[in-house]
Protein backbone atom coordinates (compact mmCIF):
# COMPACT_ATOMS: atom_id res chain seq x y z
CA MET A 1 4.34 11.13 32.10
CA ILE A 2 3.94 11.01 28.02
CA GLN A 3 0.56 9.28 27.04
CA VAL A 4 1.91 6.46 24.31
CA ARG A 5 -0.50 3.98 22.18
CA VAL A 6 -0.30 0.52 23.47
CA ASP A 7 -0.17 -0.55 19.85
CA ASP A 8 2.99 1.47 19.60
CA LEU A 9 5.07 0.20 22.49
CA MET A 10 7.85 -1.70 21.25
CA GLU A 11 8.22 -5.51 22.63
CA GLY A 12 11.64 -6.60 24.12
CA ARG A 13 12.52 -2.98 25.30
CA ARG A 14 13.22 -2.40 29.10
CA LEU A 15 12.29 0.42 30.51
CA GLN A 16 13.81 2.57 33.56
CA PHE A 17 10.88 3.84 35.10
CA PRO A 18 7.20 2.48 35.34
CA ILE A 19 4.23 2.57 33.10
CA VAL A 20 1.23 3.69 34.62
CA ASP A 21 -2.64 4.03 33.41
CA ALA A 22 -4.54 7.63 32.77
CA ASP A 23 -5.27 7.53 36.60
CA GLY A 24 -1.65 7.10 37.69
CA VAL A 25 -2.30 3.31 38.76
CA LEU A 26 0.87 1.13 37.99
CA LEU A 27 0.49 -1.31 35.23
CA LEU A 28 4.31 -2.12 34.67
CA ALA A 29 6.89 -1.81 37.58
CA GLU A 30 10.15 -0.17 36.61
CA ASN A 31 13.31 -1.88 35.19
CA SER A 32 10.72 -4.24 33.34
CA GLU A 33 10.45 -5.33 29.81
CA ILE A 34 7.58 -4.89 27.53
CA THR A 35 6.24 -8.27 26.64
CA PRO A 36 3.73 -9.46 24.23
CA ARG A 37 1.76 -10.64 27.21
CA PHE A 38 1.65 -6.80 28.48
CA ARG A 39 0.49 -5.91 25.52
CA GLU A 40 -2.00 -8.35 24.98
CA LEU A 41 -3.39 -7.65 28.83
CA MET A 42 -3.83 -4.12 28.13
CA GLN A 43 -5.88 -4.81 25.07
CA ILE A 44 -8.27 -7.23 26.89
CA ARG A 45 -8.62 -4.36 29.80
CA GLY A 46 -9.45 -2.05 27.07
CA ILE A 47 -6.48 0.41 27.81
CA ASP A 48 -5.71 1.86 24.48
CA SER A 49 -2.81 4.40 25.96
CA VAL A 50 -0.47 4.49 28.80
CA GLY A 51 1.76 6.88 30.68
CA VAL A 52 5.36 6.49 29.95
CA HIS A 53 8.23 8.54 31.36
CA PRO A 54 10.06 10.62 28.93
CA ASP A 55 13.34 9.28 29.45
CA ASP A 56 12.02 5.99 28.50
CA ALA A 57 9.86 7.27 25.51
CA ALA A 58 12.83 6.90 22.85
CA SER A 59 13.22 3.27 23.64
CA ALA A 60 9.49 2.36 24.30
CA THR A 61 8.14 3.55 20.64
CA LEU A 62 9.37 4.31 17.43
CA GLY A 63 9.08 7.93 18.21
CA ASP A 64 8.56 10.73 15.70
CA LEU A 65 10.24 8.72 12.67
CA ALA A 66 10.07 10.31 9.32
CA ASN A 67 9.32 8.41 6.12
CA GLU A 68 11.70 10.17 4.21
CA LEU A 69 13.70 7.13 2.56
CA PRO A 70 15.91 7.79 -0.44
CA GLY A 71 15.54 6.50 -4.24
CA VAL A 72 17.82 5.36 -6.67
CA GLN A 73 19.09 7.73 -9.62
CA PHE A 74 19.05 7.06 -12.93
CA ASP A 75 20.07 8.77 -16.24
CA ASP A 76 17.79 10.04 -19.14
CA SER A 77 19.51 7.45 -21.65
CA LEU A 78 18.05 4.68 -19.43
CA ARG A 79 14.89 6.30 -19.39
CA GLU A 80 14.58 6.74 -23.14
CA ARG A 81 15.66 3.21 -23.46
CA LEU A 82 12.98 2.15 -20.86
CA SER A 83 10.22 4.33 -22.66
CA ASN A 84 10.46 2.41 -25.92
CA LEU A 85 10.08 -0.94 -24.56
CA ASP A 86 8.95 -3.68 -27.19
CA ALA A 87 5.32 -3.88 -26.76
CA ASN A 88 5.44 -7.86 -27.24
CA ALA A 89 8.22 -8.38 -24.68
CA SER A 90 7.74 -8.47 -20.75
CA PRO A 91 8.89 -5.42 -18.81
CA ARG A 92 10.14 -8.05 -16.46
CA ASN A 93 12.86 -8.73 -18.62
CA SER A 94 14.19 -5.17 -18.59
CA MET A 95 13.46 -4.53 -14.72
CA VAL A 96 16.34 -3.00 -13.09
CA PHE A 97 17.18 -5.07 -9.54
CA HIS A 98 19.14 -2.97 -7.30
CA GLY A 99 19.99 -5.45 -4.11
CA CYS A 100 21.02 -3.66 -1.00
CA GLN A 101 21.12 -0.30 -2.44
CA ALA A 102 19.86 2.51 -0.31
CA TYR A 103 17.33 5.05 -2.04
CA ASP A 104 18.94 8.11 -3.11
CA PRO A 105 16.77 11.56 -1.76
CA VAL A 106 17.00 13.63 -4.52
CA ASN A 107 15.30 11.08 -6.67
CA ARG A 108 12.99 10.32 -3.91
CA GLN A 109 12.04 13.86 -3.88
CA ARG A 110 11.61 13.65 -7.58
CA LEU A 111 8.97 10.66 -7.67
CA SER A 112 7.31 12.39 -4.74
CA GLU A 113 6.70 15.47 -6.86
CA LYS A 114 5.94 13.66 -9.84
CA HIS A 115 3.22 11.49 -7.93
CA GLU A 116 1.38 14.23 -6.52
CA LYS A 117 1.40 16.02 -9.78
CA SER A 118 -0.13 12.59 -11.22
CA VAL A 119 -2.71 12.78 -8.55
CA LYS A 120 -3.71 16.12 -9.43
CA SER A 121 -3.90 15.62 -13.27
CA ILE A 122 -6.35 12.88 -12.47
CA ASP A 123 -8.43 14.54 -10.00
CA LEU A 124 -8.75 17.40 -12.76
CA MET A 125 -9.92 14.92 -15.28
CA VAL A 126 -12.30 13.87 -13.16
CA GLN A 127 -13.75 17.18 -12.44
CA GLN A 128 -13.83 17.86 -16.04
CA ASN A 129 -15.66 14.89 -17.13
CA LEU A 130 -18.49 15.70 -14.36
CA ARG A 131 -18.70 19.28 -15.95
CA GLY A 132 -19.38 17.45 -19.69
CA ASP A 133 -15.96 18.14 -21.04
CA ARG A 134 -14.51 15.62 -23.44
CA ILE A 135 -11.41 13.92 -21.95
CA ASN A 136 -8.69 12.39 -24.20
CA GLY A 137 -7.93 8.96 -23.26
CA SER A 138 -4.51 9.33 -24.71
CA ALA A 139 -3.29 11.36 -21.51
CA VAL A 140 -4.21 8.72 -18.90
CA ALA A 141 -2.66 5.97 -21.25
CA GLN A 142 0.51 8.09 -21.60
CA MET A 143 0.76 8.63 -17.71
CA ALA A 144 0.38 4.49 -17.29
CA ALA A 145 3.15 4.39 -19.73
CA GLU A 146 5.47 6.79 -17.79
CA ASN A 147 4.87 5.20 -14.53
CA LEU A 148 5.91 1.93 -15.92
CA THR A 149 9.23 3.45 -17.50
CA GLU A 150 9.78 4.27 -13.88
CA MET A 151 8.70 1.14 -12.27
CA THR A 152 11.01 -0.63 -14.66
CA ALA A 153 13.74 1.47 -13.52
CA ASP A 154 13.10 1.28 -9.90
CA CYS A 155 9.75 -0.73 -9.05
CA GLU A 156 10.23 -0.49 -5.08
CA ASN A 157 10.93 3.41 -5.06
CA VAL A 158 7.66 4.13 -7.34
CA LEU A 159 5.46 1.76 -4.78
CA THR A 160 6.79 3.02 -1.54
CA THR A 161 6.39 6.50 -2.88
CA ALA A 162 2.57 5.91 -3.84
CA SER A 163 2.27 4.09 -0.50
CA LEU A 164 3.22 6.73 1.89
CA ALA A 165 1.78 9.54 -0.04
CA GLY A 166 -0.65 11.78 1.59
CA THR A 167 -4.33 11.54 1.64
CA ASP A 168 -5.56 14.54 -0.57
CA ASN A 169 -7.63 13.82 -3.25
CA GLU A 170 -8.59 10.43 -1.91
CA LEU A 171 -10.36 9.04 -5.02
CA ALA A 172 -7.55 10.27 -7.31
CA GLN A 173 -4.95 8.86 -4.99
CA HIS A 174 -6.49 5.44 -4.57
CA CYS A 175 -6.82 5.24 -8.41
CA LEU A 176 -2.97 6.12 -8.90
CA GLN A 177 -2.04 3.58 -6.51
CA MET A 178 -3.93 0.44 -7.47
CA SER A 179 -2.75 1.58 -10.93
CA LEU A 180 0.67 1.14 -9.96
CA LEU A 181 0.04 -2.33 -7.98
CA GLY A 182 -1.79 -3.48 -11.06
CA MET A 183 1.23 -3.06 -12.97
CA ALA A 184 3.57 -4.16 -10.53
CA ILE A 185 1.08 -7.55 -10.62
CA GLY A 186 1.42 -7.63 -14.45
CA VAL A 187 4.98 -7.40 -14.63
CA GLU A 188 5.63 -10.12 -12.08
CA MET A 189 3.00 -12.35 -14.44
CA GLU A 190 5.32 -11.78 -17.22
CA LEU A 191 2.55 -9.85 -19.13
CA ASP A 192 3.81 -7.91 -22.23
CA ALA A 193 4.26 -4.10 -22.12
CA ASP A 194 1.20 -3.23 -23.82
CA SER A 195 -0.95 -5.41 -21.35
CA VAL A 196 0.89 -4.00 -18.41
CA ARG A 197 -0.14 -0.43 -19.74
CA MET A 198 -3.55 -1.23 -20.16
CA ILE A 199 -3.87 -2.50 -16.62
CA GLY A 200 -2.30 1.00 -15.35
CA LEU A 201 -4.72 2.75 -17.57
CA CYS A 202 -7.85 0.91 -16.41
CA GLY A 203 -6.67 1.39 -12.70
CA MET A 204 -6.54 4.81 -13.19
CA ILE A 205 -10.25 5.21 -14.56
CA HIS A 206 -11.82 2.70 -12.99
CA ASP A 207 -13.19 4.16 -10.10
CA TRP A 208 -14.17 7.51 -11.41
CA GLY A 209 -17.84 7.05 -10.99
CA MET A 210 -17.02 7.25 -7.45
CA SER A 211 -17.60 11.34 -7.47
CA LYS A 212 -21.27 10.62 -8.64
CA VAL A 213 -21.93 8.62 -5.28
CA PRO A 214 -23.43 10.87 -2.47
CA GLU A 215 -20.78 12.58 -0.31
CA GLU A 216 -22.78 11.59 2.68
CA ILE A 217 -22.21 7.89 1.86
CA ARG A 218 -18.38 8.32 0.79
CA LYS A 219 -17.45 10.26 3.89
CA VAL A 220 -19.94 8.54 6.67
CA GLN A 221 -17.96 7.80 10.02
CA ARG A 222 -18.99 4.16 10.02
CA ARG A 223 -19.21 0.95 8.33
CA LEU A 224 -21.77 1.47 5.41
CA THR A 225 -24.95 0.01 5.78
CA ARG A 226 -26.42 -2.77 3.27
CA THR A 227 -28.51 0.01 1.60
CA GLU A 228 -25.63 2.43 1.28
CA TYR A 229 -23.24 -0.04 0.25
CA ILE A 230 -25.82 -0.87 -2.64
CA GLU A 231 -25.44 2.87 -3.59
CA VAL A 232 -21.76 2.49 -3.66
CA GLN A 233 -22.05 -0.29 -6.07
CA LYS A 234 -23.67 1.80 -8.50
CA HIS A 235 -20.44 3.64 -8.98
CA CYS A 236 -19.55 0.96 -11.86
CA VAL A 237 -22.43 2.25 -14.11
CA TYR A 238 -21.67 5.83 -13.50
CA THR A 239 -17.82 5.00 -14.42
CA GLN A 240 -19.18 3.49 -17.80
CA ASP A 241 -21.39 6.83 -18.32
CA MET A 242 -18.25 8.85 -17.77
CA LEU A 243 -15.87 6.92 -20.06
CA GLU A 244 -18.45 6.96 -22.95
CA SER A 245 -17.79 10.82 -22.86
CA MET A 246 -13.67 10.19 -23.10
CA ASP A 247 -12.14 9.72 -26.63
CA GLY A 248 -9.84 7.08 -27.60
CA LEU A 249 -10.74 4.03 -25.16
CA SER A 250 -11.61 0.76 -26.52
CA ARG A 251 -14.39 -1.24 -25.43
CA VAL A 252 -12.07 -3.47 -23.59
CA VAL A 253 -10.73 -0.79 -21.49
CA GLN A 254 -14.51 -0.28 -20.55
CA GLN A 255 -15.32 -3.96 -19.78
CA ILE A 256 -12.05 -4.34 -17.35
CA SER A 257 -12.95 -0.98 -15.76
CA TYR A 258 -16.67 -2.33 -15.26
CA GLN A 259 -15.36 -5.89 -13.81
CA VAL A 260 -12.62 -4.78 -11.22
CA HIS A 261 -14.85 -5.31 -8.33
CA GLU A 262 -16.26 -8.79 -9.23
CA ARG A 263 -14.84 -11.78 -7.33
CA PRO A 264 -13.63 -15.35 -8.67
CA ASN A 265 -16.25 -16.95 -6.37
CA GLY A 266 -19.18 -14.85 -7.72
CA ARG A 267 -19.41 -12.76 -4.76
CA GLY A 268 -18.36 -9.43 -6.03
CA TYR A 269 -20.47 -6.87 -8.21
CA PRO A 270 -22.05 -5.24 -9.87
CA ARG A 271 -22.86 -8.63 -11.86
CA GLY A 272 -21.67 -11.38 -9.51
CA ARG A 273 -19.84 -13.01 -12.13
CA THR A 274 -17.25 -16.04 -11.60
CA ARG A 275 -13.62 -16.39 -12.39
CA GLU A 276 -13.94 -17.92 -16.02
CA HIS A 277 -16.27 -14.57 -16.90
CA ILE A 278 -14.17 -12.07 -15.61
CA HIS A 279 -11.32 -10.53 -17.73
CA PRO A 280 -7.92 -11.37 -16.41
CA PHE A 281 -6.68 -7.77 -16.11
CA ALA A 282 -9.98 -7.09 -13.87
CA ARG A 283 -8.86 -9.83 -11.42
CA ILE A 284 -5.27 -8.41 -11.31
CA LEU A 285 -6.89 -5.10 -10.46
CA ASN A 286 -9.30 -6.27 -8.07
CA VAL A 287 -6.43 -7.86 -6.07
CA ALA A 288 -4.75 -4.39 -6.33
CA ASP A 289 -7.90 -2.45 -5.28
CA CYS A 290 -8.16 -4.90 -2.22
CA TYR A 291 -4.71 -4.29 -1.14
CA ALA A 292 -4.78 -0.39 -1.55
CA ALA A 293 -8.19 -0.40 0.34
CA MET A 294 -7.08 -1.97 3.13
CA THR A 295 -3.74 -0.24 3.43
CA ALA A 296 -5.63 3.36 2.93
CA ALA A 297 -7.23 5.26 5.68
CA ARG A 298 -11.08 5.16 5.51
CA PRO A 299 -13.62 7.62 7.41
CA TYR A 300 -14.41 4.94 9.71
CA ARG A 301 -11.00 3.38 10.21
CA SER A 302 -7.11 3.93 10.08
CA PRO A 303 -5.17 2.23 7.53
CA VAL A 304 -4.40 -1.62 8.06
CA MET A 305 -0.91 -2.47 8.49
CA PRO A 306 0.62 -3.78 5.26
CA TYR A 307 1.69 -7.05 6.41
CA HIS A 308 -1.90 -7.85 7.75
CA ALA A 309 -3.37 -6.77 4.36
CA MET A 310 -0.93 -9.21 2.71
CA GLU A 311 -1.76 -12.13 5.05
CA CYS A 312 -5.59 -11.67 4.36
CA LEU A 313 -5.23 -11.62 0.68
CA LEU A 314 -3.29 -14.87 1.05
CA ARG A 315 -5.84 -16.26 3.19
CA GLN A 316 -9.03 -15.08 1.18
CA SER A 317 -7.32 -16.45 -2.21
CA ARG A 318 -7.80 -20.06 -0.85
CA ASP A 319 -11.52 -19.34 -1.06
CA LEU A 320 -11.24 -17.64 -4.57
CA PHE A 321 -12.56 -14.51 -2.98
CA VAL A 322 -9.66 -12.74 -4.87
CA ASP A 323 -7.36 -14.39 -7.46
CA PRO A 324 -4.81 -16.55 -6.51
CA ASP A 325 -2.14 -16.12 -9.25
CA ALA A 326 -2.65 -12.48 -8.71
CA VAL A 327 -1.90 -12.42 -5.45
CA ARG A 328 0.85 -14.62 -5.65
CA ALA A 329 2.30 -12.11 -8.25
CA LEU A 330 1.71 -9.38 -5.45
CA LEU A 331 3.37 -11.39 -3.08
CA ARG A 332 6.54 -11.40 -5.22
CA ALA A 333 6.65 -7.88 -5.84
CA LEU A 334 6.08 -6.86 -2.42
CA SER A 335 7.07 -9.48 -0.10
CA LEU A 336 5.47 -10.75 2.79
CA PHE A 337 6.51 -7.97 4.90
CA PRO A 338 5.46 -5.50 2.01
CA ILE A 339 8.06 -2.67 1.22
CA GLY A 340 7.45 0.56 2.69
CA SER A 341 6.24 -1.08 6.00
CA LEU A 342 8.10 -1.39 9.59
CA VAL A 343 9.59 -4.34 11.13
CA LEU A 344 10.84 -5.17 14.64
CA LEU A 345 14.33 -7.31 13.70
CA SER A 346 15.64 -10.31 16.32
CA ASP A 347 18.44 -7.81 17.20
CA GLY A 348 15.95 -5.48 18.68
CA CYS A 349 16.41 -2.98 15.65
CA VAL A 350 13.53 -1.15 14.10
CA ALA A 351 13.83 -1.16 10.24
CA GLN A 352 11.67 -0.12 7.25
CA VAL A 353 11.70 -2.51 4.34
CA ILE A 354 13.04 -0.98 1.16
CA ARG A 355 13.29 -3.71 -1.30
CA ARG A 356 12.21 -7.28 -1.95
CA ASN A 357 14.31 -10.21 -1.76
CA PRO A 358 13.66 -12.37 -4.85
CA GLU A 359 14.67 -15.38 -3.22
CA SER A 360 12.83 -15.09 -0.14
CA TYR A 361 9.45 -13.56 0.75
CA THR A 362 9.79 -13.65 4.39
CA ALA A 363 13.45 -12.28 4.33
CA PRO A 364 13.38 -8.86 2.37
CA ILE A 365 15.78 -6.05 2.15
CA VAL A 366 15.47 -3.43 4.81
CA GLN A 367 17.09 -0.33 6.18
CA ARG A 368 17.61 0.02 10.00
CA ILE A 369 15.94 3.18 11.37
CA GLN A 370 16.26 2.66 15.19
CA ASP A 371 18.39 0.37 17.39
CA GLN A 372 17.46 -1.44 20.50
CA THR A 373 17.93 1.87 22.74
CA GLY A 374 15.86 4.21 20.46
CA ARG A 375 18.91 5.91 18.78
CA ARG A 376 18.29 6.74 15.40
CA PHE A 377 20.36 5.26 12.01
CA SER A 378 21.78 7.56 9.88
CA PRO A 379 20.68 7.21 6.57
CA GLU A 380 24.48 7.68 5.13
CA ASP A 381 25.16 4.63 7.46
CA ALA A 382 26.25 1.97 4.98
CA ASP A 383 25.44 -0.89 7.71
CA SER A 384 22.00 0.31 7.93
CA VAL A 385 20.73 -1.62 4.94
CA ILE A 386 20.60 -5.45 5.42
CA ASN A 387 19.90 -8.22 3.19
CA LEU A 388 18.04 -10.60 5.45
CA GLY A 389 18.51 -13.37 3.24
CA ASP A 390 22.18 -13.07 3.92
CA SER A 391 22.17 -12.32 7.55
CA LYS A 392 21.35 -14.38 10.79
CA ILE A 393 19.12 -11.43 11.67
CA THR A 394 15.23 -12.51 11.21
CA VAL A 395 11.82 -10.47 11.42
CA ASN A 396 10.37 -10.77 14.51
CA ARG A 397 7.18 -9.19 13.64
CA ALA A 398 5.68 -6.40 11.68
CA VAL A 399 5.01 -3.01 13.48
CA PRO A 400 2.70 -0.18 13.13
CA ASN A 401 3.91 2.72 11.03
CA PRO A 402 3.04 5.94 13.75
CA ARG A 403 3.13 8.39 11.14
CA ARG A 404 0.19 6.60 9.09
CA ASN A 405 -1.88 5.48 12.70
CA GLU A 406 -1.62 1.78 11.20
CA ILE A 407 -3.60 -0.85 12.93
CA PRO A 408 -3.85 -4.55 12.82
CA LEU A 409 -6.44 -6.23 11.03
CA GLU A 410 -9.18 -7.36 13.15
CA GLY A 411 -11.68 -10.09 12.15
CA ASP A 412 -12.46 -10.66 8.16
CA GLU A 413 -12.60 -7.38 6.52
CA LEU A 414 -12.28 -8.26 3.12
CA GLU A 415 -15.57 -8.15 2.09
CA PHE A 416 -15.76 -4.76 3.27
CA GLN A 417 -12.31 -3.40 2.27
CA SER A 418 -13.28 -1.82 -1.11
CA MET A 419 -16.22 0.12 0.36
CA ARG A 420 -15.26 3.75 0.12
């Protein structure tokens, strides 16, 4: 038998052999179907993993699926044109929408390498700042401008590359991802190019003060205590001190960075300000920070499934725990089943969401990666990409990505998800 996590079992799959527990006790008879009730019973009984026959392993789970999804190519002339966006025009007017077009592996690799290089650059600047070196803010601003260019050419490709990146340099990785998410929200809110770039800049530097929080607090293998959480909140002040030694940053950039963790209902920090006293760009970045924090691994938990993170933000926006306008913009940018996440389709196939559908939050564009028997789809298969908005096939449910060890959201974690 092969041990398989209960969370990884695919509902609707029929198995040839029985499923047993760690002691060999029968849990599900041969020729039975995996049902939601079976998964629920296992969770009630506290059974995290079960024994599955090797011949059933492919159809019972997603298996050892890789996340190499291709990207869309665009030439240098397009990049040059996008780099010179009118500062007063909304980048959304220049956004390239690719419809039912799969990603190209060459460009995907280029974006992955560029993302890794950017993470290393941010980490290096943080370390230089800690040593007392003067940092030129224009370098960060240039990085934000380049990222906006890439996003205008293919926003989904850039965002999925960031969401599936590794966990090295955790602080730099988080800052870069939420910078990209913040810019995507700004684009969907039809802000002008200068504003979107400023959001990207602030996103990349707003958390640098976390590097001054004691490591034993940042890497504790449990939820923070209230006392430890107060220590974490001090990173906003530490960030301001670090930004003072950076050249070329305006006061408004420092203000936005300082307010990212404030909440519209006054339950945020460091000052407990309410919506009307929080800079609009800080409210945007707060939503990006919440989503990025929930969907990232923490020392005390695995990453939350993107669908559950989006669902949580929508629920909390009703109570002004997060800004409703920014949440709606994030929903438009990612869809209800966010790009990069995995879903189980009504035909029994497992697919990865690769693009949003501007016409429907619940019917994104997906690429099938496994059929109902466990057979892998070839990336070159033209029929693997489906616009669910034009199909009778629907999404049954979101499924966890086994490569990232994703988990459902249990309870109301929003108040704690930004704790590092």
